[in-house]
Every structure is written in structure tokens, then in C-alpha cells.
């Protein structure tokens, strides 16, 4: 499967197509909840949120291979750190999109200042910037398909 590039110049036009009324093809998240979820995941990468690792260290190699594979994230994947129907953080979806962009810039700056750093994803374990970037590309693709922004 081809995944969307995580470059903001590519991602932002997709996010700008979302409205408060955009409905998912599956799942219960609203469009704004999805954008805020994407932001939260970026913030995990730069350690603004931390969760215990949910997998054994022996699984890291297999999970990292999955990140690098062309296999998509499964629909309705239940990550333990994702709250069901979380309250909205921002007053409107445009502000949520702005927050995503700011978080992504922070991510790039953070890893530029810490190029050898690995940070922990609760399901995939410690990831360096290249693995985080690839995971975000899979994650963006997953949710953009979910909201009909791109086709499978």
C-alpha cells in the first residue's frame, strides 16, 4: 500500500477539506476528534504524553518490521491509550488543524535537536525519528481513508 507523505505541504490540504460535519466511513470519532488524535500521537513522539509500553521487548523487532512494511493499520484498531469519545480540545476544527501543524513542526525540530533519540510509542515500543515518521504516514493514511479524504 502507498502511504501519504507526512510533509505538512502534502497533509494540510487534506486536513483543510475536513469540516465539523465530515463523517467517518467507520468508527465513532468526529473529524475534529481525529485531527486532535493525530496531534496527540505526534506529541507522544516528543514525549509530551507518556504511556507505559503495552508489548514485550521481544515484540519490538516484529512491530518495527510492521511499521516499515506496506501493510496498513487495521480498521477499528483499539489502542489502549486512545480514549473512547474524548472531549474536544479546541473550539473548532480549524484550530485543531493549526495545533496539528504546530505539533508536527515541533516534532521535526525536536528530532533535529535529538537525532539519535528514541521515544516510546505504547504499542510499538521505542522508535527513532525514521520509524516515527513512517508510523505517522501509516496513521495519516489510515485516518484519511476513514474520513474519505483518500481512497484505499
Protein backbone atom coordinates (compact mmCIF):
# COMPACT_ATOMS: atom_id res chain seq x y z
CA UNK A 1 0.00 0.00 0.00
CA UNK A 2 1.14 3.54 -0.70
CA UNK A 3 1.13 5.83 2.34
CA UNK A 4 0.74 9.59 2.34
CA UNK A 5 3.92 11.58 2.91
CA UNK A 6 3.88 13.30 6.29
CA UNK A 7 5.17 16.58 4.84
CA UNK A 8 2.88 19.40 6.01
CA UNK A 9 2.59 20.80 2.49
CA UNK A 10 1.01 17.49 1.48
CA UNK A 11 -1.00 16.83 4.66
CA UNK A 12 -2.50 20.28 5.19
CA UNK A 13 -4.66 20.37 2.01
CA UNK A 14 -6.30 17.12 3.16
CA UNK A 15 -6.93 18.42 6.67
CA UNK A 16 -8.36 21.63 5.20
CA UNK A 17 -11.06 19.56 3.43
CA UNK A 18 -12.47 18.43 6.78
CA UNK A 19 -15.41 20.19 8.36
CA UNK A 20 -17.19 19.65 11.63
CA UNK A 21 -19.81 17.74 9.61
CA UNK A 22 -17.41 15.33 7.86
CA UNK A 23 -18.48 11.81 8.82
CA UNK A 24 -16.21 8.77 9.07
CA UNK A 25 -16.72 5.70 6.91
CA UNK A 26 -16.15 3.63 10.06
CA UNK A 27 -15.54 4.26 13.75
CA UNK A 28 -17.02 6.81 16.11
CA UNK A 29 -14.54 9.71 16.04
CA UNK A 30 -15.66 13.03 14.68
CA UNK A 31 -13.39 14.76 12.18
CA UNK A 32 -12.12 17.13 14.85
CA UNK A 33 -11.52 14.30 17.32
CA UNK A 34 -9.48 12.57 14.61
CA UNK A 35 -7.32 15.67 14.00
CA UNK A 36 -6.80 16.08 17.73
CA UNK A 37 -5.93 12.37 17.94
CA UNK A 38 -3.31 12.82 15.21
CA UNK A 39 -1.86 15.73 17.17
CA UNK A 40 -1.81 13.69 20.37
CA UNK A 41 0.15 10.94 18.62
CA UNK A 42 2.70 13.46 17.34
CA UNK A 43 3.00 14.77 20.89
CA UNK A 44 3.70 11.24 22.16
CA UNK A 45 6.70 11.14 19.82
CA UNK A 46 8.20 14.22 21.51
CA UNK A 47 7.35 12.99 24.99
CA UNK A 48 4.60 15.49 25.81
CA UNK A 49 2.47 12.47 26.74
CA UNK A 50 3.87 9.22 28.05
CA UNK A 51 2.20 5.86 28.47
CA UNK A 52 3.51 2.50 29.62
CA UNK A 53 4.59 0.15 26.85
CA UNK A 54 1.89 -2.45 26.23
CA UNK A 55 4.11 -5.02 24.49
CA UNK A 56 7.09 -7.13 25.44
CA UNK A 57 10.55 -6.12 24.29
CA UNK A 58 10.73 -9.38 22.30
CA UNK A 59 7.98 -7.99 20.04
CA UNK A 60 9.82 -4.78 19.07
CA UNK A 61 11.58 -6.21 16.03
CA UNK A 62 8.34 -7.66 14.64
CA UNK A 63 6.41 -4.45 15.36
CA UNK A 64 9.09 -2.26 13.79
CA UNK A 65 9.05 -4.54 10.72
CA UNK A 66 5.28 -3.95 10.52
CA UNK A 67 5.84 -0.18 10.60
CA UNK A 68 8.28 -0.50 7.70
CA UNK A 69 6.01 -2.85 5.74
CA UNK A 70 3.41 -1.87 3.17
CA UNK A 71 0.64 -3.26 5.40
CA UNK A 72 -1.94 -0.67 6.52
CA UNK A 73 -3.09 -0.10 10.07
CA UNK A 74 -6.21 -2.20 10.69
CA UNK A 75 -9.62 -0.57 10.91
CA UNK A 76 -11.01 -0.11 14.41
CA UNK A 77 -7.60 -0.76 15.94
CA UNK A 78 -8.08 -0.35 19.69
CA UNK A 79 -5.04 1.40 21.16
CA UNK A 80 -5.27 1.37 24.94
CA UNK A 81 -4.12 4.99 25.21
CA UNK A 82 -6.92 6.29 22.94
CA UNK A 83 -9.97 7.34 24.90
CA UNK A 84 -13.40 6.48 23.55
CA UNK A 85 -15.23 9.66 22.52
CA UNK A 86 -12.74 12.14 24.03
CA UNK A 87 -13.86 15.71 24.69
CA UNK A 88 -12.77 18.26 22.11
CA UNK A 89 -9.73 20.34 22.98
CA UNK A 90 -10.28 23.18 20.51
CA UNK A 91 -13.32 25.32 19.77
CA UNK A 92 -13.31 24.44 16.07
CA UNK A 93 -11.68 22.08 13.62
CA UNK A 94 -9.56 24.81 12.04
CA UNK A 95 -7.87 25.44 15.40
CA UNK A 96 -7.31 21.69 15.78
CA UNK A 97 -5.66 21.65 12.35
CA UNK A 98 -3.43 24.58 13.35
CA UNK A 99 -2.42 22.67 16.50
CA UNK A 100 -1.55 19.61 14.40
CA UNK A 101 0.70 21.73 12.18
CA UNK A 102 2.42 23.29 15.19
CA UNK A 103 2.94 19.85 16.76
CA UNK A 104 4.42 18.48 13.52
CA UNK A 105 6.88 21.39 13.31
CA UNK A 106 7.78 20.79 16.96
CA UNK A 107 8.39 17.11 16.14
CA UNK A 108 10.76 17.96 13.30
CA UNK A 109 12.65 20.49 15.44
CA UNK A 110 12.75 18.14 18.43
CA UNK A 111 14.29 15.28 16.46
CA UNK A 112 16.66 17.65 14.63
CA UNK A 113 17.98 18.63 18.08
CA UNK A 114 17.92 14.97 19.26
CA UNK A 115 18.75 12.94 16.12
CA UNK A 116 19.76 9.75 17.94
CA UNK A 117 16.89 9.81 20.41
CA UNK A 118 14.29 7.07 20.60
CA UNK A 119 10.96 7.77 22.22
CA UNK A 120 8.33 5.28 23.27
CA UNK A 121 5.09 4.52 21.49
CA UNK A 122 2.87 2.49 23.86
CA UNK A 123 2.09 -0.17 21.25
CA UNK A 124 5.25 -0.19 19.11
CA UNK A 125 7.95 0.46 21.72
CA UNK A 126 10.97 2.75 21.30
CA UNK A 127 11.09 4.46 17.89
CA UNK A 128 13.67 6.71 16.28
CA UNK A 129 12.62 9.58 14.02
CA UNK A 130 12.54 7.48 10.85
CA UNK A 131 10.22 4.91 12.45
CA UNK A 132 8.01 7.64 13.94
CA UNK A 133 7.79 9.34 10.54
CA UNK A 134 6.79 6.09 8.84
CA UNK A 135 4.26 5.33 11.59
CA UNK A 136 2.74 8.79 11.21
CA UNK A 137 2.47 8.22 7.45
CA UNK A 138 0.58 4.98 8.06
CA UNK A 139 -1.53 6.70 10.71
CA UNK A 140 -2.40 9.66 8.48
CA UNK A 141 -3.28 7.32 5.62
CA UNK A 142 -5.47 5.21 7.91
CA UNK A 143 -7.49 8.19 9.13
CA UNK A 144 -7.62 9.94 5.75
CA UNK A 145 -9.17 6.76 4.33
CA UNK A 146 -11.51 6.62 7.34
CA UNK A 147 -12.80 10.12 6.53
CA UNK A 148 -12.94 9.64 2.77
CA UNK A 149 -10.08 12.07 2.05
CA UNK A 150 -8.20 9.41 0.09
CA UNK A 151 -9.18 6.07 -1.39
CA UNK A 152 -7.87 2.69 -0.26
